[in-house]
């Protein structure tokens, strides 16, 4: 099959092998340099800015001492920590129960429940906060449920962050539970262990890595999120909002850098714990494991359906209320329908151009980003050239996993906005925002692409090398066609992420290049909550439409790729 795919190519001259190796090395080092520019240098400038004063004079650790002596900032740090711990304690059991219901039963409508649970990924984190305002705010339909309490503050943020982080935890736990070995459950039944005992002795221990990973992801997302605290935080200040105030509000870049480093610490800590757990988990895997498939059980399936429905209902409510409210004339007094809130040019935030800028950013990020990710993963997995360059490329590819978007955005402010930087002209432009977005979400996309490339037998490259066929010919005629479904999956992920992200871009978006997610913040600050809900609804609907389109194309190409591999 490979010979037919490469048909028409003659063996390259002997001297061409050196040129091919030089080209491969140049590709590896170029990709490593691009990631160093997009990730390494901005993060390095955060460290540098933290030891300078307002006039760029060296002050050592004086800024850290000032922050530690600041009651407001330390209170914000405690608030962020307590908020992240509370949301993790709430989301983790709910996500685990949902994952159990999907993977351990034959529940009717499992696919529908799964899509409902993952739907928050299509909306910015501001969406649940706006919905909470409509439900429990000063004029909320369900305000009486709070018995005099206010949605603005700690518990409002807990509910909003729970909606925002739930699908992230669910995806990890679904993967953890789907990897269970059916032989362990059969042995448990043979030994007389009941369902509860099998759950406590097999299911929970087998999913411990997924539980830890999901908990760390939720904790990091909450402690670095900007959207929910900005809308419903009230007087309960947190570090993410304080970083924004220090940089944008007070122009105190050194103190903003210190707060950014404080936000970086939990993410780095979580990253190293996850890596250590991953090594232990890999050592415990068995090549002879039998995938678990649940049998029939009427009462178990009914209980699972009720459980999934109970969790899905508030998720649908928080997503649906925001969309419905964007068409309501004057909530909750005049519930007639209107399109007036979609007249964005009549309110603050950048008008319709902000929405189209987001579409443009998402298209650039998905198009160029997916190609860069594919090239980087291919260089790491398939090119034998430049071992040191590939090691650096792998390091930079994994670095974004430990860097919150808010911290990366701060790094872009300090690095690209520096007057001595020759790239200063890019600041506030679409090119820089696309580079920041690609860098922010690079790790997940890289791991997805690397997994697809690892599934392609290495003998393809070996045979091509023996035939003296250049690697780019094998790449174009063999590797790329087989990996197209995974490439589309990466493209879909990058598009949706670019449409919904806020934390990294809130610092570098300019008035001339405003974005939809940033416009939501501006509208909400100006009191135009209905227009903010309308913009958030547009983001969610656009993300869903493009995601479905790419998903359908991915499935078609996936079936073709399977037939190609079967013939090979």
Protein backbone atom coordinates (compact mmCIF):
# COMPACT_ATOMS: atom_id res chain seq x y z
CA UNK A 1 0.00 0.00 0.00
CA UNK A 2 2.83 2.40 0.85
CA UNK A 3 4.53 1.63 -2.44
CA UNK A 4 1.33 2.54 -4.31
CA UNK A 5 0.98 5.74 -2.29
CA UNK A 6 4.52 6.74 -3.18
CA UNK A 7 4.24 5.56 -6.77
CA UNK A 8 5.95 7.84 -9.24
CA UNK A 9 8.78 8.92 -6.98
CA UNK A 10 12.29 7.86 -7.84
CA UNK A 11 15.00 7.21 -5.31
CA UNK A 12 16.76 10.41 -4.27
CA UNK A 13 20.49 10.81 -4.98
CA UNK A 14 22.84 9.88 -2.17
CA UNK A 15 23.76 13.52 -1.54
CA UNK A 16 20.12 14.46 -1.05
CA UNK A 17 20.02 12.64 2.32
CA UNK A 18 22.20 15.31 3.94
CA UNK A 19 19.96 18.04 2.55
CA UNK A 20 16.90 16.25 3.89
CA UNK A 21 18.43 16.01 7.37
CA UNK A 22 19.33 19.71 7.29
CA UNK A 23 15.77 20.58 6.26
CA UNK A 24 14.34 18.42 9.06
CA UNK A 25 16.68 20.03 11.60
CA UNK A 26 15.73 23.49 10.35
CA UNK A 27 12.03 22.63 10.77
CA UNK A 28 12.55 21.38 14.34
CA UNK A 29 14.58 24.41 15.42
CA UNK A 30 12.20 26.86 13.73
CA UNK A 31 9.22 25.40 15.56
CA UNK A 32 11.11 25.42 18.87
CA UNK A 33 12.07 29.07 18.31
CA UNK A 34 8.46 30.05 17.55
CA UNK A 35 7.22 28.42 20.76
CA UNK A 36 10.04 30.04 22.73
CA UNK A 37 8.94 33.41 21.36
CA UNK A 38 5.25 32.76 22.06
CA UNK A 39 5.71 31.16 25.49
CA UNK A 40 9.19 31.30 26.97
CA UNK A 41 10.03 34.99 26.57
CA UNK A 42 6.64 36.36 27.76
CA UNK A 43 6.83 34.19 30.89
CA UNK A 44 10.43 35.25 31.45
CA UNK A 45 9.35 38.89 31.32
CA UNK A 46 6.84 38.29 34.12
CA UNK A 47 9.69 37.18 36.38
CA UNK A 48 11.76 40.14 35.26
CA UNK A 49 8.96 42.67 35.83
CA UNK A 50 8.32 41.36 39.34
CA UNK A 51 11.76 42.54 40.54
CA UNK A 52 11.54 46.04 39.00
CA UNK A 53 9.81 49.19 40.19
CA UNK A 54 7.48 51.45 38.21
CA UNK A 55 10.51 53.13 36.59
CA UNK A 56 12.12 49.77 35.67
CA UNK A 57 14.69 50.05 38.43
CA UNK A 58 15.83 46.85 40.13
CA UNK A 59 14.27 46.42 43.60
CA UNK A 60 14.76 42.71 44.20
CA UNK A 61 12.01 41.15 46.30
CA UNK A 62 10.53 44.45 47.45
CA UNK A 63 7.39 43.97 45.33
CA UNK A 64 6.81 40.54 46.85
CA UNK A 65 7.14 42.01 50.35
CA UNK A 66 4.64 44.75 49.51
CA UNK A 67 2.13 42.24 48.19
CA UNK A 68 2.52 40.02 51.25
CA UNK A 69 2.00 43.08 53.47
CA UNK A 70 -1.10 44.16 51.52
CA UNK A 71 -4.24 43.06 53.42
CA UNK A 72 -6.42 43.39 50.31
CA UNK A 73 -4.26 41.19 48.08
CA UNK A 74 -3.71 38.55 50.73
CA UNK A 75 -7.45 38.48 51.42
CA UNK A 76 -8.00 38.00 47.68
CA UNK A 77 -5.52 35.10 47.74
CA UNK A 78 -7.41 33.43 50.60
CA UNK A 79 -10.70 34.01 48.81
CA UNK A 80 -9.36 32.45 45.61
CA UNK A 81 -8.06 29.43 47.48
CA UNK A 82 -11.30 28.88 49.38
CA UNK A 83 -13.39 29.35 46.23
CA UNK A 84 -11.28 26.84 44.27
CA UNK A 85 -11.45 24.25 47.07
CA UNK A 86 -15.23 24.64 47.43
CA UNK A 87 -15.93 24.32 43.71
CA UNK A 88 -13.61 21.30 43.45
CA UNK A 89 -15.40 19.62 46.37
CA UNK A 90 -18.75 20.26 44.63
CA UNK A 91 -17.87 19.45 41.02
CA UNK A 92 -15.74 16.35 41.55
CA UNK A 93 -18.46 14.07 43.04
CA UNK A 94 -21.08 15.39 40.59
CA UNK A 95 -18.83 14.81 37.58
CA UNK A 96 -17.85 11.37 38.84
CA UNK A 97 -21.51 10.42 39.36
CA UNK A 98 -22.33 11.64 35.85
CA UNK A 99 -19.41 9.72 34.35
CA UNK A 100 -20.46 6.62 36.26
CA UNK A 101 -24.03 6.94 34.95
CA UNK A 102 -22.79 7.16 31.36
CA UNK A 103 -20.14 4.43 31.52
CA UNK A 104 -21.62 1.94 34.01
CA UNK A 105 -25.17 1.67 32.70
CA UNK A 106 -27.17 1.25 29.52
CA UNK A 107 -29.15 4.39 30.20
CA UNK A 108 -31.56 5.58 27.51
CA UNK A 109 -30.41 8.81 25.85
CA UNK A 110 -26.83 8.56 27.07
CA UNK A 111 -25.54 10.43 24.02
CA UNK A 112 -27.96 13.30 24.62
CA UNK A 113 -26.97 13.55 28.28
CA UNK A 114 -23.30 13.59 27.27
CA UNK A 115 -23.84 16.48 24.86
CA UNK A 116 -25.77 18.43 27.48
CA UNK A 117 -22.96 17.94 29.98
CA UNK A 118 -20.34 19.11 27.50
CA UNK A 119 -22.35 22.10 26.24
CA UNK A 120 -20.71 24.57 28.69
CA UNK A 121 -17.53 24.16 26.65
CA UNK A 122 -19.24 26.08 23.83
CA UNK A 123 -19.95 29.16 25.94
CA UNK A 124 -17.64 31.67 27.64
CA UNK A 125 -17.38 31.50 31.42
CA UNK A 126 -19.40 34.74 31.53
CA UNK A 127 -22.51 32.91 30.28
CA UNK A 128 -23.40 31.09 33.53
CA UNK A 129 -22.72 34.25 35.53
CA UNK A 130 -25.16 36.25 33.38
CA UNK A 131 -27.78 33.49 33.67
CA UNK A 132 -27.39 33.52 37.46
CA UNK A 133 -28.07 37.25 37.44
CA UNK A 134 -31.29 36.67 35.46
CA UNK A 135 -32.39 33.89 37.81
CA UNK A 136 -31.25 35.13 41.23
CA UNK A 137 -30.17 38.75 40.72
CA UNK A 138 -31.93 41.83 42.05
CA UNK A 139 -34.70 41.31 39.47
CA UNK A 140 -34.32 37.54 39.11
CA UNK A 141 -37.28 35.22 38.66
CA UNK A 142 -36.10 32.97 41.50
CA UNK A 143 -34.71 35.63 43.82
CA UNK A 144 -37.13 34.54 46.56
CA UNK A 145 -35.35 31.18 46.72
CA UNK A 146 -32.33 32.87 48.29
CA UNK A 147 -34.31 33.94 51.37
CA UNK A 148 -32.87 37.44 51.39
CA UNK A 149 -29.34 36.44 50.41
CA UNK A 150 -27.57 37.80 47.31
CA UNK A 151 -26.21 35.96 44.29
CA UNK A 152 -23.38 38.49 44.15
CA UNK A 153 -20.52 37.07 46.15
CA UNK A 154 -19.06 33.73 47.15
CA UNK A 155 -21.96 31.38 46.42
CA UNK A 156 -22.76 33.03 43.13
CA UNK A 157 -19.19 32.41 42.02
CA UNK A 158 -19.38 28.81 43.26
CA UNK A 159 -22.43 28.11 41.08
CA UNK A 160 -20.98 29.87 38.03
CA UNK A 161 -17.60 28.17 38.31
CA UNK A 162 -19.26 24.78 38.84
CA UNK A 163 -21.07 25.17 35.50
CA UNK A 164 -17.87 26.34 33.79
CA UNK A 165 -15.60 23.55 35.09
CA UNK A 166 -18.02 20.59 35.10
CA UNK A 167 -17.37 19.40 31.50
CA UNK A 168 -13.58 19.57 31.99
CA UNK A 169 -13.80 17.22 34.97
CA UNK A 170 -16.33 14.99 33.19
CA UNK A 171 -14.09 14.41 30.16
CA UNK A 172 -11.23 13.25 32.39
CA UNK A 173 -13.41 10.99 34.52
CA UNK A 174 -15.13 9.44 31.50
CA UNK A 175 -11.71 8.47 30.19
CA UNK A 176 -10.70 7.07 33.57
CA UNK A 177 -13.84 4.93 33.93
CA UNK A 178 -13.76 3.70 30.34
CA UNK A 179 -10.33 2.15 30.93
CA UNK A 180 -11.61 -0.33 33.53
CA UNK A 181 -10.67 -4.01 33.27
CA UNK A 182 -13.76 -6.25 33.07
CA UNK A 183 -11.81 -9.22 34.46
CA UNK A 184 -11.58 -7.55 37.88
CA UNK A 185 -15.37 -7.23 38.08
CA UNK A 186 -15.85 -10.84 37.03
CA UNK A 187 -13.41 -11.94 39.74
CA UNK A 188 -15.29 -9.82 42.28
CA UNK A 189 -18.60 -11.45 41.36
CA UNK A 190 -17.03 -14.89 41.55
CA UNK A 191 -15.80 -14.13 45.07
CA UNK A 192 -19.26 -12.99 46.14
CA UNK A 193 -18.60 -9.24 46.29
CA UNK A 194 -21.73 -7.13 45.98
CA UNK A 195 -22.17 -4.06 43.79
CA UNK A 196 -21.18 -1.64 46.57
CA UNK A 197 -18.09 -3.61 47.49
CA UNK A 198 -17.00 -3.80 43.82
CA UNK A 199 -17.51 -0.05 43.54
CA UNK A 200 -15.39 0.66 46.63
CA UNK A 201 -12.63 -1.85 45.89
CA UNK A 202 -12.41 -1.76 42.08
CA UNK A 203 -14.08 1.30 40.57
CA UNK A 204 -12.83 3.96 42.96
CA UNK A 205 -9.21 2.73 43.18
CA UNK A 206 -9.09 2.29 39.40
CA UNK A 207 -10.26 5.87 38.86
CA UNK A 208 -8.00 7.50 41.45
CA UNK A 209 -5.70 9.02 38.82
CA UNK A 210 -8.67 10.46 36.96
CA UNK A 211 -10.10 11.85 40.19
CA UNK A 212 -6.84 13.54 41.12
CA UNK A 213 -6.37 14.91 37.60
CA UNK A 214 -9.95 16.20 37.41
CA UNK A 215 -9.63 17.81 40.83
CA UNK A 216 -6.40 19.56 39.87
CA UNK A 217 -7.89 20.81 36.59
CA UNK A 218 -10.98 22.21 38.31
CA UNK A 219 -8.90 23.81 41.06
CA UNK A 220 -6.60 25.52 38.54
CA UNK A 221 -9.43 26.69 36.28
CA UNK A 222 -11.32 28.25 39.17
CA UNK A 223 -8.38 29.99 40.78
CA UNK A 224 -7.38 31.62 37.48
CA UNK A 225 -10.82 32.35 35.96
CA UNK A 226 -11.71 35.98 35.39
CA UNK A 227 -15.19 35.90 33.83
CA UNK A 228 -17.42 34.58 36.62
CA UNK A 229 -15.88 36.69 39.43
CA UNK A 230 -16.06 39.79 37.24
CA UNK A 231 -19.86 39.44 36.79
CA UNK A 232 -21.12 38.01 40.10
CA UNK A 233 -18.12 38.44 42.40
CA UNK A 234 -19.50 41.52 44.12
CA UNK A 235 -17.29 42.55 47.03
CA UNK A 236 -15.73 39.10 47.27
CA UNK A 237 -12.43 39.94 45.58
CA UNK A 238 -10.22 37.20 44.10
CA UNK A 239 -6.71 37.17 42.66
CA UNK A 240 -7.72 37.01 38.99
CA UNK A 241 -9.74 40.22 39.26
CA UNK A 242 -7.02 41.85 41.38
CA UNK A 243 -4.44 41.13 38.67
CA UNK A 244 -6.68 42.85 36.14
CA UNK A 245 -7.15 45.86 38.43
CA UNK A 246 -3.42 46.20 39.08
CA UNK A 247 -2.45 46.09 35.39
CA UNK A 248 -5.39 47.75 33.61
CA UNK A 249 -6.91 49.86 36.37
CA UNK A 250 -3.84 51.13 38.23
CA UNK A 251 -1.12 50.53 35.62
CA UNK A 252 0.97 48.96 38.40
CA UNK A 253 2.83 46.44 36.26
CA UNK A 254 5.32 45.22 38.91
CA UNK A 255 2.59 44.39 41.39
CA UNK A 256 0.52 42.82 38.59
CA UNK A 257 3.52 40.62 37.77
CA UNK A 258 3.75 39.44 41.39
CA UNK A 259 0.02 38.61 41.44
CA UNK A 260 0.51 36.76 38.15
CA UNK A 261 3.26 34.66 39.70
CA UNK A 262 0.94 33.91 42.61
CA UNK A 263 -1.61 32.60 40.10
CA UNK A 264 1.10 30.58 38.39
CA UNK A 265 2.09 28.68 41.54
CA UNK A 266 -1.10 26.56 41.90
CA UNK A 267 -0.99 25.66 38.21
CA UNK A 268 2.67 24.58 38.37
CA UNK A 269 2.02 22.64 41.58
CA UNK A 270 -0.95 20.87 39.97
CA UNK A 271 1.10 20.13 36.86
CA UNK A 272 3.86 18.32 38.73
CA UNK A 273 1.38 16.32 40.83
CA UNK A 274 -0.45 15.27 37.66
CA UNK A 275 2.79 14.24 35.95
CA UNK A 276 3.85 12.13 38.94
CA UNK A 277 0.44 10.45 39.10
CA UNK A 278 0.58 9.81 35.34
CA UNK A 279 3.86 7.91 35.61
CA UNK A 280 2.43 5.70 38.33
CA UNK A 281 -0.76 5.11 36.36
CA UNK A 282 1.12 4.08 33.23
CA UNK A 283 3.13 1.54 35.18
CA UNK A 284 -0.08 -0.06 36.46
CA UNK A 285 -1.69 -0.59 33.03
CA UNK A 286 -2.01 -4.12 31.65
CA UNK A 287 -1.80 -4.99 27.97
CA UNK A 288 -4.20 -7.91 28.56
CA UNK A 289 -7.00 -5.82 30.03
CA UNK A 290 -10.54 -6.50 28.77
CA UNK A 291 -12.71 -3.39 28.24
CA UNK A 292 -15.68 -3.21 30.62
CA UNK A 293 -19.15 -3.35 29.11
CA UNK A 294 -22.16 -2.94 31.45
CA UNK A 295 -24.84 -5.60 31.38
CA UNK A 296 -28.55 -5.01 31.57
CA UNK A 297 -30.07 -3.83 34.84
CA UNK A 298 -33.48 -2.17 34.97
CA UNK A 299 -33.23 -0.53 38.40
CA UNK A 300 -29.61 0.50 37.92
CA UNK A 301 -30.38 2.06 34.53
CA UNK A 302 -33.41 3.86 35.93
CA UNK A 303 -31.36 5.25 38.83
CA UNK A 304 -28.66 6.32 36.38
CA UNK A 305 -31.24 8.08 34.17
CA UNK A 306 -32.66 9.99 37.14
CA UNK A 307 -29.15 10.94 38.24
CA UNK A 308 -28.14 12.19 34.80
CA UNK A 309 -31.41 14.10 34.40
CA UNK A 310 -31.02 15.76 37.82
CA UNK A 311 -27.52 17.01 36.96
CA UNK A 312 -28.37 17.95 33.36
CA UNK A 313 -31.36 20.12 34.33
CA UNK A 314 -29.38 22.94 36.02
CA UNK A 315 -26.77 22.81 33.25
CA UNK A 316 -29.49 23.29 30.64
CA UNK A 317 -31.12 25.99 32.76
CA UNK A 318 -27.95 28.09 33.07
CA UNK A 319 -27.26 27.79 29.35
CA UNK A 320 -30.86 28.20 28.21
CA UNK A 321 -31.80 31.13 30.44
CA UNK A 322 -29.00 33.26 29.01
CA UNK A 323 -30.07 32.48 25.45
CA UNK A 324 -33.80 33.02 26.12
CA UNK A 325 -33.19 36.24 28.06
CA UNK A 326 -31.36 37.72 25.08
CA UNK A 327 -34.72 37.72 23.23
CA UNK A 328 -36.81 39.11 26.13
CA UNK A 329 -37.72 42.79 25.93
CA UNK A 330 -37.40 43.70 29.61
CA UNK A 331 -36.69 40.89 32.06
CA UNK A 332 -38.76 39.96 34.07
CA UNK A 333 -41.49 42.61 33.63
CA UNK A 334 -42.03 42.49 29.88
CA UNK A 335 -41.46 38.97 28.52
CA UNK A 336 -42.37 39.76 24.93
CA UNK A 337 -39.84 38.77 22.28
CA UNK A 338 -37.49 41.22 20.61
CA UNK A 339 -34.23 41.39 18.65
CA UNK A 340 -33.33 44.81 20.07
CA UNK A 341 -30.60 43.37 22.31
CA UNK A 342 -28.71 42.18 19.23
CA UNK A 343 -28.22 45.75 18.04
CA UNK A 344 -24.69 45.79 19.40
CA UNK A 345 -23.73 48.97 17.59
CA UNK A 346 -25.99 50.93 19.96
CA UNK A 347 -24.18 49.81 23.15
CA UNK A 348 -20.60 49.79 24.42
CA UNK A 349 -18.28 46.94 23.60
CA UNK A 350 -17.28 47.39 19.99
CA UNK A 351 -20.56 46.55 18.26
CA UNK A 352 -20.93 43.80 15.72
CA UNK A 353 -17.29 44.19 14.76
CA UNK A 354 -16.35 42.57 18.08
CA UNK A 355 -18.28 39.44 17.12
CA UNK A 356 -16.79 39.32 13.63
CA UNK A 357 -13.33 39.90 15.09
CA UNK A 358 -13.86 36.83 17.27
CA UNK A 359 -14.90 34.79 14.24
CA UNK A 360 -11.81 36.01 12.42
CA UNK A 361 -9.58 35.21 15.41
CA UNK A 362 -11.10 31.75 15.76
CA UNK A 363 -10.65 31.02 12.06
CA UNK A 364 -7.00 32.13 12.12
CA UNK A 365 -6.33 30.21 15.32
CA UNK A 366 -7.96 27.05 14.00
CA UNK A 367 -6.33 27.23 10.56
CA UNK A 368 -2.78 28.30 11.36
CA UNK A 369 -2.77 26.79 14.84
CA UNK A 370 -3.74 23.30 13.70
CA UNK A 371 -1.00 23.34 11.04
CA UNK A 372 1.61 24.47 13.59
CA UNK A 373 0.44 21.85 16.05
CA UNK A 374 0.60 19.14 13.38
CA UNK A 375 4.09 20.23 12.33
CA UNK A 376 5.28 20.28 15.94
CA UNK A 377 3.83 16.87 16.76
CA UNK A 378 5.22 15.41 13.52
CA UNK A 379 8.67 16.82 14.29
CA UNK A 380 8.58 15.29 17.79
CA UNK A 381 7.23 11.88 16.78
CA UNK A 382 8.51 11.20 13.26
CA UNK A 383 11.67 13.19 12.56
CA UNK A 384 14.95 11.73 13.87
CA UNK A 385 16.85 15.00 13.33
CA UNK A 386 18.03 17.54 15.97
CA UNK A 387 17.55 15.60 19.25
CA UNK A 388 18.18 18.71 21.36
CA UNK A 389 15.74 20.75 19.28
CA UNK A 390 13.06 18.08 19.62
CA UNK A 391 13.59 17.98 23.40
CA UNK A 392 13.11 21.76 23.58
CA UNK A 393 10.08 21.49 21.32
CA UNK A 394 8.51 18.88 23.63
CA UNK A 395 9.21 21.08 26.65
CA UNK A 396 7.57 24.14 25.15
CA UNK A 397 4.67 22.02 23.86
CA UNK A 398 3.88 20.86 27.41
CA UNK A 399 4.55 24.22 29.10
CA UNK A 400 1.08 25.77 28.48
CA UNK A 401 -0.48 23.00 30.59
CA UNK A 402 1.10 24.65 33.64
CA UNK A 403 0.45 28.28 32.62
CA UNK A 404 -2.99 29.84 33.20
CA UNK A 405 -4.33 32.08 30.45
CA UNK A 406 -4.36 35.12 32.72
CA UNK A 407 -0.64 34.69 33.45
CA UNK A 408 0.18 34.21 29.76
CA UNK A 409 -1.77 37.37 28.91
CA UNK A 410 0.24 39.31 31.49
CA UNK A 411 3.44 38.01 29.93
CA UNK A 412 2.31 39.26 26.53
CA UNK A 413 1.64 42.71 28.01
CA UNK A 414 5.11 42.94 29.56
CA UNK A 415 7.00 41.47 26.61
CA UNK A 416 5.27 42.68 23.46
CA UNK A 417 4.30 46.08 24.86
CA UNK A 418 7.88 46.88 25.80
CA UNK A 419 9.08 49.88 23.75
CA UNK A 420 12.44 48.23 23.02
CA UNK A 421 10.82 45.12 21.57
CA UNK A 422 11.00 45.17 17.73
CA UNK A 423 7.67 43.27 17.74
CA UNK A 424 5.99 46.09 19.66
CA UNK A 425 3.94 47.00 16.57
CA UNK A 426 2.05 43.71 16.88
CA UNK A 427 0.62 44.66 20.27
CA UNK A 428 -3.16 44.93 20.22
CA UNK A 429 -3.40 43.40 16.75
CA UNK A 430 -5.10 40.26 15.50
CA UNK A 431 -1.78 38.51 14.81
CA UNK A 432 -0.64 38.77 18.42
CA UNK A 433 -4.03 37.71 19.78
CA UNK A 434 -3.99 34.64 17.53
CA UNK A 435 -0.45 33.79 18.66
CA UNK A 436 -1.48 34.11 22.32
CA UNK A 437 -4.54 31.91 21.80
CA UNK A 438 -2.57 29.21 19.98
CA UNK A 439 0.07 29.23 22.70
CA UNK A 440 -2.56 29.10 25.44
CA UNK A 441 -4.25 25.96 24.10
CA UNK A 442 -1.22 24.35 22.49
CA UNK A 443 -0.69 21.46 24.91
CA UNK A 444 -4.07 19.76 24.52
CA UNK A 445 -3.92 20.10 20.74
CA UNK A 446 -0.34 18.78 20.67
CA UNK A 447 -1.22 15.73 22.77
CA UNK A 448 -4.20 14.97 20.52
CA UNK A 449 -2.06 15.15 17.39
CA UNK A 450 0.80 13.17 18.95
CA UNK A 451 -1.59 10.38 19.91
CA UNK A 452 -2.82 10.13 16.32
CA UNK A 453 0.75 10.05 14.95
CA UNK A 454 1.80 7.36 17.43
CA UNK A 455 -0.97 5.12 16.13
CA UNK A 456 0.63 5.24 12.67
CA UNK A 457 3.17 2.41 12.35
CA UNK A 458 6.76 3.64 12.31
CA UNK A 459 7.52 1.24 9.48
CA UNK A 460 5.93 3.71 7.07
CA UNK A 461 8.85 6.07 7.59
CA UNK A 462 11.35 3.19 7.63
CA UNK A 463 10.13 1.84 4.29
CA UNK A 464 10.07 5.31 2.77
CA UNK A 465 13.64 5.90 3.97
CA UNK A 466 14.77 2.60 2.47
CA UNK A 467 13.21 3.68 -0.82
CA UNK A 468 15.05 7.02 -0.43
CA UNK A 469 11.77 8.91 -0.57
CA UNK A 470 11.96 12.36 1.12
CA UNK A 471 10.09 12.62 4.40
CA UNK A 472 7.85 15.41 3.05
CA UNK A 473 6.56 13.05 0.34
CA UNK A 474 5.61 10.44 2.93
CA UNK A 475 4.09 13.21 5.03
CA UNK A 476 1.93 14.52 2.19
CA UNK A 477 0.86 11.20 0.68
CA UNK A 478 0.59 8.94 3.73
CA UNK A 479 0.77 10.61 7.15
CA UNK A 480 -1.43 13.64 6.54
CA UNK A 481 -4.34 11.75 4.87
CA UNK A 482 -4.46 9.23 7.73
CA UNK A 483 -4.27 11.93 10.43
CA UNK A 484 -6.84 14.28 8.87
CA UNK A 485 -9.62 13.32 11.33
CA UNK A 486 -7.38 14.13 14.30
CA UNK A 487 -6.31 17.36 12.59
CA UNK A 488 -9.96 18.37 12.23
CA UNK A 489 -10.50 17.51 15.88
CA UNK A 490 -7.65 19.87 16.81
CA UNK A 491 -9.12 22.52 14.51
CA UNK A 492 -12.51 22.21 16.21
CA UNK A 493 -10.94 22.47 19.65
CA UNK A 494 -8.93 25.56 18.73
CA UNK A 495 -11.90 27.28 17.09
CA UNK A 496 -14.20 26.82 20.07
CA UNK A 497 -11.45 27.78 22.53
CA UNK A 498 -10.67 30.96 20.59
CA UNK A 499 -14.35 31.95 20.55
CA UNK A 500 -14.88 31.43 24.28
CA UNK A 501 -11.57 32.40 25.90
CA UNK A 502 -11.29 35.63 27.87
CA UNK A 503 -8.57 35.51 30.51
CA UNK A 504 -5.54 35.61 28.19
CA UNK A 505 -6.95 38.15 25.75
CA UNK A 506 -8.52 40.60 28.20
CA UNK A 507 -5.13 42.33 28.53
CA UNK A 508 -4.08 42.54 24.89
CA UNK A 509 -7.35 43.18 23.03
CA UNK A 510 -7.41 46.79 21.79
CA UNK A 511 -10.46 49.02 21.14
CA UNK A 512 -9.79 48.69 17.40
CA UNK A 513 -9.74 44.90 17.67
CA UNK A 514 -12.30 44.22 20.38
CA UNK A 515 -13.51 40.65 20.83
CA UNK A 516 -16.92 39.21 21.63
CA UNK A 517 -15.90 37.82 25.04
CA UNK A 518 -14.28 41.13 26.00
CA UNK A 519 -17.36 42.99 24.76
CA UNK A 520 -19.50 40.96 27.17
CA UNK A 521 -17.48 42.33 30.09
CA UNK A 522 -17.82 45.89 28.78
CA UNK A 523 -21.57 45.54 28.25
CA UNK A 524 -22.11 44.06 31.69
CA UNK A 525 -20.09 46.85 33.33
CA UNK A 526 -22.24 49.40 31.50
CA UNK A 527 -25.45 47.71 32.73
CA UNK A 528 -26.39 46.27 29.32
CA UNK A 529 -26.87 42.75 30.67
CA UNK A 530 -29.34 41.74 27.95
CA UNK A 531 -26.89 42.73 25.21
CA UNK A 532 -24.15 40.81 27.05
CA UNK A 533 -26.41 37.74 27.12
CA UNK A 534 -27.06 38.17 23.40
CA UNK A 535 -23.34 38.28 22.61
CA UNK A 536 -22.69 35.24 24.82
CA UNK A 537 -25.52 33.40 23.02
CA UNK A 538 -23.97 34.22 19.64
CA UNK A 539 -20.65 32.82 20.81
CA UNK A 540 -22.28 29.59 22.01
CA UNK A 541 -24.38 29.12 18.85
CA UNK A 542 -21.45 29.88 16.53
CA UNK A 543 -19.20 27.48 18.41
CA UNK A 544 -21.86 24.78 18.24
CA UNK A 545 -22.46 25.26 14.50
CA UNK A 546 -18.79 25.13 13.51
CA UNK A 547 -18.14 22.27 15.94
CA UNK A 548 -20.95 20.17 14.41
CA UNK A 549 -19.73 20.92 10.90
CA UNK A 550 -16.15 19.88 11.65
CA UNK A 551 -17.33 16.87 13.65
CA UNK A 552 -19.35 15.59 10.69
CA UNK A 553 -16.39 16.08 8.35
CA UNK A 554 -14.12 14.39 10.87
CA UNK A 555 -16.33 11.28 11.00
CA UNK A 556 -16.42 11.01 7.21
CA UNK A 557 -12.65 11.27 6.95
CA UNK A 558 -12.26 8.94 9.93
CA UNK A 559 -14.08 6.15 8.11
CA UNK A 560 -11.90 6.70 5.04
CA UNK A 561 -8.78 6.63 7.18
CA UNK A 562 -9.83 3.33 8.74
CA UNK A 563 -10.31 1.80 5.30
CA UNK A 564 -6.90 3.15 4.23
CA UNK A 565 -5.18 1.61 7.26
CA UNK A 566 -7.05 -1.66 6.71
CA UNK A 567 -5.76 -1.94 3.15
CA UNK A 568 -2.26 -1.00 4.32
